[in-house]
């Protein structure tokens, strides 16, 4: 069986998508012009609070440049479009709203930190997001904002439901319908044991990109610690041009740091936790500090959830990623290499079928 010829209509659609991405990139820099000279006096008090938070373990990575106070934006440059905002997503520690930058009309995402998030952890996440902005691992960091004057948030900030500090990043997803596309969303539309060759290739290519970005994060000296299908977002619905981004750096730690992520679960309760959090490696529940191999386990759980067909021959790789012993798991570089090899050999595989 040979691969089907390329679809001209799909090629035309892909060219249009690439053109729109280039146009977005060209207008992206206009936002940064608001704060080229540094922190505006309007945000001096909030910036001072940010600066008062020790950088701590982030200084331990020689490959990581940390700004004590990432750039601030005037909140007036943002248009939230609706009186109550347009909610893109919500987690335990924050909400993310859709907005547009008034000058460029560029869509952005604004993260509002809930009050149960310690202020220092919110600042830490903002610093990591800013420092990784140009890495391509996640959406680009645009700036911090003081949200205390935003009407639909003002009451919540006053009642200590939210911090006044907000983080603005590049919007990734569907700007027309104003929605993000998570890996979770994509997985729900994926048929079990998918056999369509073009769809298999698109999904395998997506996992190669995710493996590459996670490997890059590890090579920069960091562990993500929270990889699951809602923390991976897609540039567009699955096709051969879909890009993938990792979001929410709140649990990121420096490799080998004493600030490693861990929590202890009583052995009698672990079965429940494993069922609820299948992406969490065994060492999390045992209270052992996380390492890069912990992310490998989580990646393996995502790959398993995609339920790729057995003829793809990645079952052994998934099993290796999900090994109970950390020493038996491959590195993310090795995972990426094996997935690339699999992608490369797919045409040959189908000629033999």
C-alpha atoms as a PDB file:
ATOM      1  CA  UNK A   1       0.000   0.000   0.000  1.00  0.00           C
ATOM      2  CA  UNK A   2       1.441   3.403  -0.940  1.00  0.00           C
ATOM      3  CA  UNK A   3       0.797   6.778   0.590  1.00  0.00           C
ATOM      4  CA  UNK A   4      -2.091   8.733  -0.932  1.00  0.00           C
ATOM      5  CA  UNK A   5      -1.145  11.710  -3.153  1.00  0.00           C
ATOM      6  CA  UNK A   6      -1.289  15.145  -1.594  1.00  0.00           C
ATOM      7  CA  UNK A   7      -4.616  16.942  -1.717  1.00  0.00           C
ATOM      8  CA  UNK A   8      -4.374  20.284  -3.651  1.00  0.00           C
ATOM      9  CA  UNK A   9      -7.204  21.787  -1.597  1.00  0.00           C
ATOM     10  CA  UNK A  10      -5.401  20.892   1.629  1.00  0.00           C
ATOM     11  CA  UNK A  11      -2.151  22.369   0.271  1.00  0.00           C
ATOM     12  CA  UNK A  12      -3.946  25.645  -0.500  1.00  0.00           C
ATOM     13  CA  UNK A  13      -5.455  25.694   2.992  1.00  0.00           C
ATOM     14  CA  UNK A  14      -2.046  25.084   4.545  1.00  0.00           C
ATOM     15  CA  UNK A  15      -0.513  27.945   2.553  1.00  0.00           C
ATOM     16  CA  UNK A  16      -3.256  30.251   3.818  1.00  0.00           C
ATOM     17  CA  UNK A  17      -2.591  29.153   7.404  1.00  0.00           C
ATOM     18  CA  UNK A  18       1.140  29.792   7.033  1.00  0.00           C
ATOM     19  CA  UNK A  19       0.465  33.247   5.589  1.00  0.00           C
ATOM     20  CA  UNK A  20      -1.829  34.130   8.492  1.00  0.00           C
ATOM     21  CA  UNK A  21       0.837  32.978  10.962  1.00  0.00           C
ATOM     22  CA  UNK A  22       3.436  35.214   9.272  1.00  0.00           C
ATOM     23  CA  UNK A  23       1.050  38.161   9.443  1.00  0.00           C
ATOM     24  CA  UNK A  24       0.486  37.557  13.159  1.00  0.00           C
ATOM     25  CA  UNK A  25       4.233  37.422  13.764  1.00  0.00           C
ATOM     26  CA  UNK A  26       4.743  40.711  11.908  1.00  0.00           C
ATOM     27  CA  UNK A  27       2.239  42.515  14.124  1.00  0.00           C
ATOM     28  CA  UNK A  28       3.340  40.794  17.340  1.00  0.00           C
ATOM     29  CA  UNK A  29       6.271  43.138  17.973  1.00  0.00           C
ATOM     30  CA  UNK A  30       4.034  46.206  18.006  1.00  0.00           C
ATOM     31  CA  UNK A  31       2.843  45.258  21.494  1.00  0.00           C
ATOM     32  CA  UNK A  32       6.360  45.390  22.868  1.00  0.00           C
ATOM     33  CA  UNK A  33       6.697  49.025  21.780  1.00  0.00           C
ATOM     34  CA  UNK A  34       4.545  50.015  24.769  1.00  0.00           C
ATOM     35  CA  UNK A  35       7.332  49.308  27.255  1.00  0.00           C
ATOM     36  CA  UNK A  36      10.691  49.474  25.527  1.00  0.00           C
ATOM     37  CA  UNK A  37      12.003  51.811  28.225  1.00  0.00           C
ATOM     38  CA  UNK A  38      11.202  49.489  31.142  1.00  0.00           C
ATOM     39  CA  UNK A  39       8.694  49.715  33.995  1.00  0.00           C
ATOM     40  CA  UNK A  40       6.211  52.587  33.755  1.00  0.00           C
ATOM     41  CA  UNK A  41       5.686  54.670  36.890  1.00  0.00           C
ATOM     42  CA  UNK A  42       1.990  53.617  36.791  1.00  0.00           C
ATOM     43  CA  UNK A  43       2.980  50.095  37.885  1.00  0.00           C
ATOM     44  CA  UNK A  44       5.838  51.013  40.163  1.00  0.00           C
ATOM     45  CA  UNK A  45       4.155  49.667  43.305  1.00  0.00           C
ATOM     46  CA  UNK A  46       3.259  46.323  41.759  1.00  0.00           C
ATOM     47  CA  UNK A  47       6.670  46.093  40.097  1.00  0.00           C
ATOM     48  CA  UNK A  48       8.295  46.663  43.484  1.00  0.00           C
ATOM     49  CA  UNK A  49       6.270  43.762  44.923  1.00  0.00           C
ATOM     50  CA  UNK A  50       7.461  41.572  42.059  1.00  0.00           C
ATOM     51  CA  UNK A  51      11.052  42.660  42.622  1.00  0.00           C
ATOM     52  CA  UNK A  52      10.797  41.839  46.329  1.00  0.00           C
ATOM     53  CA  UNK A  53      10.239  38.139  45.547  1.00  0.00           C
ATOM     54  CA  UNK A  54      13.627  36.347  45.667  1.00  0.00           C
ATOM     55  CA  UNK A  55      14.638  34.694  42.401  1.00  0.00           C
ATOM     56  CA  UNK A  56      15.994  31.781  44.435  1.00  0.00           C
ATOM     57  CA  UNK A  57      16.553  28.471  42.682  1.00  0.00           C
ATOM     58  CA  UNK A  58      16.086  29.952  39.196  1.00  0.00           C
ATOM     59  CA  UNK A  59      19.620  31.341  39.506  1.00  0.00           C
ATOM     60  CA  UNK A  60      20.896  27.750  39.610  1.00  0.00           C
ATOM     61  CA  UNK A  61      20.547  27.285  35.855  1.00  0.00           C
ATOM     62  CA  UNK A  62      23.481  28.739  33.895  1.00  0.00           C
ATOM     63  CA  UNK A  63      21.415  28.563  30.681  1.00  0.00           C
ATOM     64  CA  UNK A  64      18.521  30.579  32.048  1.00  0.00           C
ATOM     65  CA  UNK A  65      18.432  34.383  32.119  1.00  0.00           C
ATOM     66  CA  UNK A  66      15.941  35.661  34.679  1.00  0.00           C
ATOM     67  CA  UNK A  67      14.536  39.181  34.777  1.00  0.00           C
ATOM     68  CA  UNK A  68      13.723  40.285  38.318  1.00  0.00           C
ATOM     69  CA  UNK A  69      10.871  42.374  36.891  1.00  0.00           C
ATOM     70  CA  UNK A  70       9.705  41.311  33.412  1.00  0.00           C
ATOM     71  CA  UNK A  71       8.274  44.132  31.289  1.00  0.00           C
ATOM     72  CA  UNK A  72       4.980  45.743  32.286  1.00  0.00           C
ATOM     73  CA  UNK A  73       2.255  46.823  29.869  1.00  0.00           C
ATOM     74  CA  UNK A  74      -0.374  49.530  30.326  1.00  0.00           C
ATOM     75  CA  UNK A  75      -3.602  47.631  30.903  1.00  0.00           C
ATOM     76  CA  UNK A  76      -5.307  50.234  28.708  1.00  0.00           C
ATOM     77  CA  UNK A  77      -3.653  48.681  25.652  1.00  0.00           C
ATOM     78  CA  UNK A  78      -5.896  45.621  26.070  1.00  0.00           C
ATOM     79  CA  UNK A  79      -9.467  45.210  24.866  1.00  0.00           C
ATOM     80  CA  UNK A  80     -11.300  42.418  26.700  1.00  0.00           C
ATOM     81  CA  UNK A  81     -14.153  42.707  24.134  1.00  0.00           C
ATOM     82  CA  UNK A  82     -16.981  41.697  26.457  1.00  0.00           C
ATOM     83  CA  UNK A  83     -18.231  43.138  29.746  1.00  0.00           C
ATOM     84  CA  UNK A  84     -17.502  39.917  31.662  1.00  0.00           C
ATOM     85  CA  UNK A  85     -14.512  38.883  29.577  1.00  0.00           C
ATOM     86  CA  UNK A  86     -14.133  35.830  27.338  1.00  0.00           C
ATOM     87  CA  UNK A  87     -12.885  32.881  29.361  1.00  0.00           C
ATOM     88  CA  UNK A  88     -10.440  30.614  27.527  1.00  0.00           C
ATOM     89  CA  UNK A  89      -9.769  28.229  30.371  1.00  0.00           C
ATOM     90  CA  UNK A  90      -9.646  27.820  34.124  1.00  0.00           C
ATOM     91  CA  UNK A  91      -7.540  25.767  36.480  1.00  0.00           C
ATOM     92  CA  UNK A  92      -7.084  25.459  40.222  1.00  0.00           C
ATOM     93  CA  UNK A  93      -4.759  28.445  40.399  1.00  0.00           C
ATOM     94  CA  UNK A  94      -5.819  30.755  37.604  1.00  0.00           C
ATOM     95  CA  UNK A  95      -8.142  31.833  34.819  1.00  0.00           C
ATOM     96  CA  UNK A  96      -7.151  32.767  31.272  1.00  0.00           C
ATOM     97  CA  UNK A  97      -9.083  35.350  29.258  1.00  0.00           C
ATOM     98  CA  UNK A  98      -9.093  36.234  25.576  1.00  0.00           C
ATOM     99  CA  UNK A  99      -8.273  39.852  24.705  1.00  0.00           C
ATOM    100  CA  UNK A 100      -6.937  41.946  21.851  1.00  0.00           C
ATOM    101  CA  UNK A 101      -4.152  44.487  21.806  1.00  0.00           C
ATOM    102  CA  UNK A 102      -5.814  47.694  20.645  1.00  0.00           C
ATOM    103  CA  UNK A 103      -3.063  49.023  18.386  1.00  0.00           C
ATOM    104  CA  UNK A 104      -2.393  45.841  16.384  1.00  0.00           C
ATOM    105  CA  UNK A 105      -5.721  44.021  16.958  1.00  0.00           C
ATOM    106  CA  UNK A 106      -3.558  40.997  17.786  1.00  0.00           C
ATOM    107  CA  UNK A 107      -5.282  38.343  19.947  1.00  0.00           C
ATOM    108  CA  UNK A 108      -3.620  37.681  23.296  1.00  0.00           C
ATOM    109  CA  UNK A 109      -4.222  35.521  26.360  1.00  0.00           C
ATOM    110  CA  UNK A 110      -4.350  37.136  29.806  1.00  0.00           C
ATOM    111  CA  UNK A 111      -3.722  34.920  32.817  1.00  0.00           C
ATOM    112  CA  UNK A 112      -5.334  36.003  36.074  1.00  0.00           C
ATOM    113  CA  UNK A 113      -3.841  34.333  39.145  1.00  0.00           C
ATOM    114  CA  UNK A 114      -6.316  33.204  41.785  1.00  0.00           C
ATOM    115  CA  UNK A 115      -5.611  34.247  45.348  1.00  0.00           C
ATOM    116  CA  UNK A 116      -4.895  30.663  46.475  1.00  0.00           C
ATOM    117  CA  UNK A 117      -1.759  30.899  44.332  1.00  0.00           C
ATOM    118  CA  UNK A 118       0.989  32.360  46.507  1.00  0.00           C
ATOM    119  CA  UNK A 119       2.067  35.678  45.025  1.00  0.00           C
ATOM    120  CA  UNK A 120       5.685  34.538  44.913  1.00  0.00           C
ATOM    121  CA  UNK A 121       4.698  31.459  42.861  1.00  0.00           C
ATOM    122  CA  UNK A 122       2.750  33.653  40.433  1.00  0.00           C
ATOM    123  CA  UNK A 123       5.824  35.853  40.032  1.00  0.00           C
ATOM    124  CA  UNK A 124       8.008  32.791  39.604  1.00  0.00           C
ATOM    125  CA  UNK A 125       5.766  31.490  36.804  1.00  0.00           C
ATOM    126  CA  UNK A 126       5.850  34.893  35.090  1.00  0.00           C
ATOM    127  CA  UNK A 127       9.653  35.007  35.255  1.00  0.00           C
ATOM    128  CA  UNK A 128       9.978  31.528  33.754  1.00  0.00           C
ATOM    129  CA  UNK A 129       7.449  32.330  31.023  1.00  0.00           C
ATOM    130  CA  UNK A 130       9.331  35.531  30.164  1.00  0.00           C
ATOM    131  CA  UNK A 131      12.718  33.833  30.106  1.00  0.00           C
ATOM    132  CA  UNK A 132      11.463  31.006  27.863  1.00  0.00           C
ATOM    133  CA  UNK A 133       9.570  33.395  25.592  1.00  0.00           C
ATOM    134  CA  UNK A 134      11.807  33.006  22.535  1.00  0.00           C
ATOM    135  CA  UNK A 135      12.454  29.276  22.977  1.00  0.00           C
ATOM    136  CA  UNK A 136       9.325  28.194  21.105  1.00  0.00           C
ATOM    137  CA  UNK A 137       8.427  25.805  23.936  1.00  0.00           C
ATOM    138  CA  UNK A 138       5.373  27.815  24.936  1.00  0.00           C
ATOM    139  CA  UNK A 139       3.505  30.940  23.807  1.00  0.00           C
ATOM    140  CA  UNK A 140       5.542  34.139  23.687  1.00  0.00           C
ATOM    141  CA  UNK A 141       5.545  36.293  26.798  1.00  0.00           C
ATOM    142  CA  UNK A 142       4.253  39.808  26.121  1.00  0.00           C
ATOM    143  CA  UNK A 143       4.188  41.457  29.525  1.00  0.00           C
ATOM    144  CA  UNK A 144       2.725  41.831  32.993  1.00  0.00           C
ATOM    145  CA  UNK A 145      -0.286  44.011  33.720  1.00  0.00           C
ATOM    146  CA  UNK A 146      -1.922  45.527  36.769  1.00  0.00           C
ATOM    147  CA  UNK A 147      -5.516  44.293  36.497  1.00  0.00           C
ATOM    148  CA  UNK A 148      -6.898  46.235  39.460  1.00  0.00           C
ATOM    149  CA  UNK A 149      -8.682  48.716  37.171  1.00  0.00           C
ATOM    150  CA  UNK A 150     -10.330  46.106  34.892  1.00  0.00           C
ATOM    151  CA  UNK A 151     -14.051  46.365  35.630  1.00  0.00           C
ATOM    152  CA  UNK A 152     -15.034  42.693  35.612  1.00  0.00           C
ATOM    153  CA  UNK A 153     -11.993  41.762  37.746  1.00  0.00           C
ATOM    154  CA  UNK A 154     -11.899  44.751  40.095  1.00  0.00           C
ATOM    155  CA  UNK A 155     -14.407  43.327  42.588  1.00  0.00           C
ATOM    156  CA  UNK A 156     -12.660  39.946  42.750  1.00  0.00           C
ATOM    157  CA  UNK A 157      -9.278  41.597  43.287  1.00  0.00           C
ATOM    158  CA  UNK A 158     -10.705  43.792  46.033  1.00  0.00           C
ATOM    159  CA  UNK A 159     -12.206  40.744  47.765  1.00  0.00           C
ATOM    160  CA  UNK A 160      -8.854  38.918  47.470  1.00  0.00           C
ATOM    161  CA  UNK A 161     -10.194  36.320  45.020  1.00  0.00           C
ATOM    162  CA  UNK A 162      -7.510  37.259  42.497  1.00  0.00           C
ATOM    163  CA  UNK A 163      -4.110  38.889  42.509  1.00  0.00           C
ATOM    164  CA  UNK A 164      -3.829  42.225  40.723  1.00  0.00           C
ATOM    165  CA  UNK A 165      -0.903  40.805  38.753  1.00  0.00           C
ATOM    166  CA  UNK A 166      -1.835  39.491  35.313  1.00  0.00           C
ATOM    167  CA  UNK A 167       0.342  37.892  32.636  1.00  0.00           C
ATOM    168  CA  UNK A 168      -0.168  38.542  28.922  1.00  0.00           C
ATOM    169  CA  UNK A 169       1.032  35.975  26.389  1.00  0.00           C
ATOM    170  CA  UNK A 170       0.621  35.252  22.711  1.00  0.00           C
ATOM    171  CA  UNK A 171      -2.764  33.692  21.949  1.00  0.00           C
ATOM    172  CA  UNK A 172      -2.552  30.181  20.512  1.00  0.00           C
ATOM    173  CA  UNK A 173      -5.671  28.613  19.031  1.00  0.00           C
ATOM    174  CA  UNK A 174      -8.745  29.640  17.053  1.00  0.00           C
ATOM    175  CA  UNK A 175      -8.943  33.474  17.031  1.00  0.00           C
ATOM    176  CA  UNK A 176     -12.231  33.514  15.098  1.00  0.00           C
ATOM    177  CA  UNK A 177     -14.136  31.451  17.666  1.00  0.00           C
ATOM    178  CA  UNK A 178     -11.872  32.741  20.468  1.00  0.00           C
ATOM    179  CA  UNK A 179     -11.010  29.303  21.766  1.00  0.00           C
ATOM    180  CA  UNK A 180      -7.851  27.463  22.662  1.00  0.00           C
ATOM    181  CA  UNK A 181      -7.401  23.952  21.293  1.00  0.00           C
ATOM    182  CA  UNK A 182      -5.960  21.633  23.926  1.00  0.00           C
ATOM    183  CA  UNK A 183      -4.497  18.206  23.353  1.00  0.00           C
ATOM    184  CA  UNK A 184      -7.438  16.985  25.429  1.00  0.00           C
ATOM    185  CA  UNK A 185      -9.844  18.500  22.882  1.00  0.00           C
ATOM    186  CA  UNK A 186      -7.992  16.814  20.024  1.00  0.00           C
ATOM    187  CA  UNK A 187      -7.888  13.431  21.767  1.00  0.00           C
ATOM    188  CA  UNK A 188     -11.663  13.411  22.227  1.00  0.00           C
ATOM    189  CA  UNK A 189     -12.112  13.590  18.448  1.00  0.00           C
ATOM    190  CA  UNK A 190      -9.562  10.866  17.717  1.00  0.00           C
ATOM    191  CA  UNK A 191     -11.124   7.476  16.862  1.00  0.00           C
ATOM    192  CA  UNK A 192      -9.841   4.471  18.802  1.00  0.00           C
ATOM    193  CA  UNK A 193      -7.033   2.582  17.069  1.00  0.00           C
ATOM    194  CA  UNK A 194      -7.029   5.087  14.210  1.00  0.00           C
ATOM    195  CA  UNK A 195      -5.960   3.477  10.924  1.00  0.00           C
ATOM    196  CA  UNK A 196      -6.104   6.407   8.485  1.00  0.00           C
ATOM    197  CA  UNK A 197      -2.507   6.818   7.344  1.00  0.00           C
ATOM    198  CA  UNK A 198      -2.588  10.606   6.888  1.00  0.00           C
ATOM    199  CA  UNK A 199      -4.123  11.083  10.344  1.00  0.00           C
ATOM    200  CA  UNK A 200      -1.570   8.743  11.925  1.00  0.00           C
ATOM    201  CA  UNK A 201       1.252  10.733  10.309  1.00  0.00           C
ATOM    202  CA  UNK A 202      -0.215  14.041  11.525  1.00  0.00           C
ATOM    203  CA  UNK A 203      -0.505  12.729  15.089  1.00  0.00           C
ATOM    204  CA  UNK A 204       2.953  11.198  15.068  1.00  0.00           C
ATOM    205  CA  UNK A 205       4.392  14.467  13.772  1.00  0.00           C
ATOM    206  CA  UNK A 206       2.614  16.277  16.610  1.00  0.00           C
ATOM    207  CA  UNK A 207       4.181  13.988  19.227  1.00  0.00           C
ATOM    208  CA  UNK A 208       7.605  14.474  17.629  1.00  0.00           C
ATOM    209  CA  UNK A 209       7.190  18.249  18.075  1.00  0.00           C
ATOM    210  CA  UNK A 210       6.032  17.829  21.677  1.00  0.00           C
ATOM    211  CA  UNK A 211       8.969  15.519  22.444  1.00  0.00           C
ATOM    212  CA  UNK A 212      11.370  18.016  20.865  1.00  0.00           C
ATOM    213  CA  UNK A 213      10.059  20.908  22.984  1.00  0.00           C
ATOM    214  CA  UNK A 214      10.102  18.893  26.193  1.00  0.00           C
ATOM    215  CA  UNK A 215      13.652  17.749  25.401  1.00  0.00           C
ATOM    216  CA  UNK A 216      14.607  21.389  24.839  1.00  0.00           C
ATOM    217  CA  UNK A 217      13.198  22.332  28.247  1.00  0.00           C
ATOM    218  CA  UNK A 218      15.224  19.529  29.850  1.00  0.00           C
ATOM    219  CA  UNK A 219      18.377  20.599  28.021  1.00  0.00           C
ATOM    220  CA  UNK A 220      17.872  24.109  29.401  1.00  0.00           C
ATOM    221  CA  UNK A 221      18.024  22.562  32.865  1.00  0.00           C
ATOM    222  CA  UNK A 222      14.352  22.350  33.811  1.00  0.00           C
ATOM    223  CA  UNK A 223      11.700  19.793  34.717  1.00  0.00           C
ATOM    224  CA  UNK A 224       8.098  20.630  33.786  1.00  0.00           C
ATOM    225  CA  UNK A 225       6.366  18.429  36.412  1.00  0.00           C
ATOM    226  CA  UNK A 226       2.806  18.938  35.170  1.00  0.00           C
ATOM    227  CA  UNK A 227       2.530  17.483  31.672  1.00  0.00           C
ATOM    228  CA  UNK A 228      -1.047  16.509  30.853  1.00  0.00           C
ATOM    229  CA  UNK A 229      -3.447  16.961  27.959  1.00  0.00           C
ATOM    230  CA  UNK A 230      -4.816  20.315  29.174  1.00  0.00           C
ATOM    231  CA  UNK A 231      -1.323  21.808  29.477  1.00  0.00           C
ATOM    232  CA  UNK A 232      -0.546  21.147  25.826  1.00  0.00           C
ATOM    233  CA  UNK A 233      -2.225  23.443  23.297  1.00  0.00           C
ATOM    234  CA  UNK A 234      -2.342  23.309  19.504  1.00  0.00           C
ATOM    235  CA  UNK A 235      -1.990  26.093  16.962  1.00  0.00           C
ATOM    236  CA  UNK A 236      -4.914  24.674  14.961  1.00  0.00           C
ATOM    237  CA  UNK A 237      -6.874  21.432  14.526  1.00  0.00           C
ATOM    238  CA  UNK A 238      -4.669  18.433  13.745  1.00  0.00           C
ATOM    239  CA  UNK A 239      -3.061  18.474  10.306  1.00  0.00           C
ATOM    240  CA  UNK A 240       0.473  18.343   8.901  1.00  0.00           C
ATOM    241  CA  UNK A 241       1.221  21.967   9.920  1.00  0.00           C
ATOM    242  CA  UNK A 242      -0.126  21.902  13.474  1.00  0.00           C
ATOM    243  CA  UNK A 243       2.317  23.232  16.037  1.00  0.00           C
ATOM    244  CA  UNK A 244       2.222  22.369  19.718  1.00  0.00           C
ATOM    245  CA  UNK A 245       2.984  24.470  22.815  1.00  0.00           C
ATOM    246  CA  UNK A 246       3.440  23.657  26.499  1.00  0.00           C
ATOM    247  CA  UNK A 247       1.688  26.028  28.918  1.00  0.00           C
ATOM    248  CA  UNK A 248       1.447  26.674  32.679  1.00  0.00           C
ATOM    249  CA  UNK A 249       4.956  26.811  34.139  1.00  0.00           C
ATOM    250  CA  UNK A 250       3.769  27.045  37.741  1.00  0.00           C
ATOM    251  CA  UNK A 251       5.350  23.729  38.773  1.00  0.00           C
ATOM    252  CA  UNK A 252       8.560  23.988  36.734  1.00  0.00           C
ATOM    253  CA  UNK A 253      11.688  23.259  38.771  1.00  0.00           C
ATOM    254  CA  UNK A 254      15.412  23.452  38.145  1.00  0.00           C
ATOM    255  CA  UNK A 255      17.002  20.056  37.525  1.00  0.00           C
ATOM    256  CA  UNK A 256      18.767  18.848  40.652  1.00  0.00           C
ATOM    257  CA  UNK A 257      17.326  21.660  42.774  1.00  0.00           C
ATOM    258  CA  UNK A 258      16.159  21.122  46.337  1.00  0.00           C
ATOM    259  CA  UNK A 259      12.978  22.871  45.173  1.00  0.00           C
ATOM    260  CA  UNK A 260      11.974  19.682  43.301  1.00  0.00           C
ATOM    261  CA  UNK A 261       8.298  18.879  42.868  1.00  0.00           C
ATOM    262  CA  UNK A 262       6.932  16.050  45.013  1.00  0.00           C
ATOM    263  CA  UNK A 263       4.094  15.097  47.315  1.00  0.00           C
ATOM    264  CA  UNK A 264       3.473  12.066  49.469  1.00  0.00           C
ATOM    265  CA  UNK A 265       0.336   9.916  49.191  1.00  0.00           C
ATOM    266  CA  UNK A 266      -0.420   7.233  51.760  1.00  0.00           C
ATOM    267  CA  UNK A 267       0.028   3.762  50.169  1.00  0.00           C
ATOM    268  CA  UNK A 268      -3.610   2.919  50.905  1.00  0.00           C
ATOM    269  CA  UNK A 269      -4.715   5.897  48.777  1.00  0.00           C
ATOM    270  CA  UNK A 270      -2.267   5.552  45.877  1.00  0.00           C
ATOM    271  CA  UNK A 271      -4.509   3.404  43.688  1.00  0.00           C
ATOM    272  CA  UNK A 272      -7.129   6.167  43.654  1.00  0.00           C
ATOM    273  CA  UNK A 273      -4.512   8.774  42.760  1.00  0.00           C
ATOM    274  CA  UNK A 274      -3.078   6.643  39.959  1.00  0.00           C
ATOM    275  CA  UNK A 275      -6.552   6.289  38.444  1.00  0.00           C
ATOM    276  CA  UNK A 276      -7.236  10.004  38.785  1.00  0.00           C
ATOM    277  CA  UNK A 277      -3.792  11.174  37.629  1.00  0.00           C
ATOM    278  CA  UNK A 278      -2.476   8.531  35.206  1.00  0.00           C
ATOM    279  CA  UNK A 279       0.132  10.985  33.929  1.00  0.00           C
ATOM    280  CA  UNK A 280       1.834  11.214  37.335  1.00  0.00           C
ATOM    281  CA  UNK A 281       4.839   8.912  37.795  1.00  0.00           C
ATOM    282  CA  UNK A 282       5.086   6.631  40.862  1.00  0.00           C
ATOM    283  CA  UNK A 283       7.827   8.744  42.455  1.00  0.00           C
ATOM    284  CA  UNK A 284       5.386  11.661  42.879  1.00  0.00           C
ATOM    285  CA  UNK A 285       3.190   9.641  45.226  1.00  0.00           C
ATOM    286  CA  UNK A 286       6.216   8.383  47.152  1.00  0.00           C
ATOM    287  CA  UNK A 287       7.347  11.915  47.997  1.00  0.00           C
ATOM    288  CA  UNK A 288      10.541  11.644  45.942  1.00  0.00           C
ATOM    289  CA  UNK A 289      11.704  14.809  44.147  1.00  0.00           C
ATOM    290  CA  UNK A 290      10.953  14.897  40.450  1.00  0.00           C
ATOM    291  CA  UNK A 291      13.555  14.593  37.696  1.00  0.00           C
ATOM    292  CA  UNK A 292      13.472  14.893  33.910  1.00  0.00           C
ATOM    293  CA  UNK A 293      12.484  11.220  33.777  1.00  0.00           C
ATOM    294  CA  UNK A 294       9.259  12.158  35.589  1.00  0.00           C
ATOM    295  CA  UNK A 295       8.285  14.198  32.520  1.00  0.00           C
ATOM    296  CA  UNK A 296       9.168  11.216  30.319  1.00  0.00           C
ATOM    297  CA  UNK A 297       6.617   9.132  32.231  1.00  0.00           C
ATOM    298  CA  UNK A 298       3.955  11.811  31.715  1.00  0.00           C
ATOM    299  CA  UNK A 299       4.793  11.969  28.010  1.00  0.00           C
ATOM    300  CA  UNK A 300       4.390   8.192  27.801  1.00  0.00           C
ATOM    301  CA  UNK A 301       0.939   8.508  29.378  1.00  0.00           C
ATOM    302  CA  UNK A 302      -0.084  11.013  26.691  1.00  0.00           C
ATOM    303  CA  UNK A 303       1.264   8.771  23.942  1.00  0.00           C
ATOM    304  CA  UNK A 304      -0.670   5.849  25.407  1.00  0.00           C
ATOM    305  CA  UNK A 305      -3.866   7.928  25.568  1.00  0.00           C
ATOM    306  CA  UNK A 306      -3.585   8.642  21.830  1.00  0.00           C
ATOM    307  CA  UNK A 307      -4.024   4.890  21.281  1.00  0.00           C
ATOM    308  CA  UNK A 308      -1.932   4.733  18.126  1.00  0.00           C
ATOM    309  CA  UNK A 309      -2.298   1.534  16.045  1.00  0.00           C
ATOM    310  CA  UNK A 310      -0.097  -1.420  16.959  1.00  0.00           C
ATOM    311  CA  UNK A 311       1.449  -1.577  13.484  1.00  0.00           C
ATOM    312  CA  UNK A 312       3.134   1.746  14.285  1.00  0.00           C
ATOM    313  CA  UNK A 313       5.528  -0.239  16.494  1.00  0.00           C
ATOM    314  CA  UNK A 314       5.775   2.291  19.326  1.00  0.00           C
ATOM    315  CA  UNK A 315       4.308   0.028  22.030  1.00  0.00           C
ATOM    316  CA  UNK A 316       7.774  -0.751  23.406  1.00  0.00           C
ATOM    317  CA  UNK A 317       8.619   2.957  23.522  1.00  0.00           C
ATOM    318  CA  UNK A 318       5.428   3.709  25.460  1.00  0.00           C
ATOM    319  CA  UNK A 319       6.212   0.877  27.893  1.00  0.00           C
ATOM    320  CA  UNK A 320       9.769   2.181  28.359  1.00  0.00           C
ATOM    321  CA  UNK A 321       8.477   5.686  29.122  1.00  0.00           C
ATOM    322  CA  UNK A 322       6.044   4.233  31.678  1.00  0.00           C
ATOM    323  CA  UNK A 323       8.666   2.146  33.467  1.00  0.00           C
ATOM    324  CA  UNK A 324       8.206   2.199  37.245  1.00  0.00           C
ATOM    325  CA  UNK A 325      11.943   2.616  37.816  1.00  0.00           C
ATOM    326  CA  UNK A 326      13.218   5.998  36.665  1.00  0.00           C
ATOM    327  CA  UNK A 327      16.556   4.547  35.595  1.00  0.00           C
ATOM    328  CA  UNK A 328      14.768   2.362  33.025  1.00  0.00           C
ATOM    329  CA  UNK A 329      13.088   5.256  31.210  1.00  0.00           C
ATOM    330  CA  UNK A 330      14.672   6.823  28.120  1.00  0.00           C
ATOM    331  CA  UNK A 331      15.569  10.512  27.966  1.00  0.00           C
ATOM    332  CA  UNK A 332      13.345  12.887  26.022  1.00  0.00           C
ATOM    333  CA  UNK A 333      16.115  13.230  23.428  1.00  0.00           C
ATOM    334  CA  UNK A 334      15.984   9.456  22.938  1.00  0.00           C
ATOM    335  CA  UNK A 335      12.184   9.499  22.757  1.00  0.00           C
ATOM    336  CA  UNK A 336      12.266  12.223  20.109  1.00  0.00           C
ATOM    337  CA  UNK A 337      14.850  10.303  18.079  1.00  0.00           C
ATOM    338  CA  UNK A 338      12.793   7.082  18.132  1.00  0.00           C
ATOM    339  CA  UNK A 339       9.597   8.876  17.131  1.00  0.00           C
ATOM    340  CA  UNK A 340      11.406  10.600  14.260  1.00  0.00           C
ATOM    341  CA  UNK A 341      12.731   7.243  13.085  1.00  0.00           C
ATOM    342  CA  UNK A 342       9.219   5.844  13.203  1.00  0.00           C
ATOM    343  CA  UNK A 343       7.892   8.797  11.197  1.00  0.00           C
ATOM    344  CA  UNK A 344      10.652   8.339   8.627  1.00  0.00           C
ATOM    345  CA  UNK A 345       9.935   4.627   8.145  1.00  0.00           C
ATOM    346  CA  UNK A 346       6.146   4.924   7.842  1.00  0.00           C
ATOM    347  CA  UNK A 347       6.109   5.054   4.007  1.00  0.00           C
ATOM    348  CA  UNK A 348       8.268   1.905   3.870  1.00  0.00           C
ATOM    349  CA  UNK A 349       5.986   0.211   6.386  1.00  0.00           C
ATOM    350  CA  UNK A 350       2.939   0.858   4.233  1.00  0.00           C
ATOM    351  CA  UNK A 351       4.587  -0.433   1.105  1.00  0.00           C
ATOM    352  CA  UNK A 352       4.976  -3.769   2.881  1.00  0.00           C
ATOM    353  CA  UNK A 353       1.385  -3.893   4.151  1.00  0.00           C
END
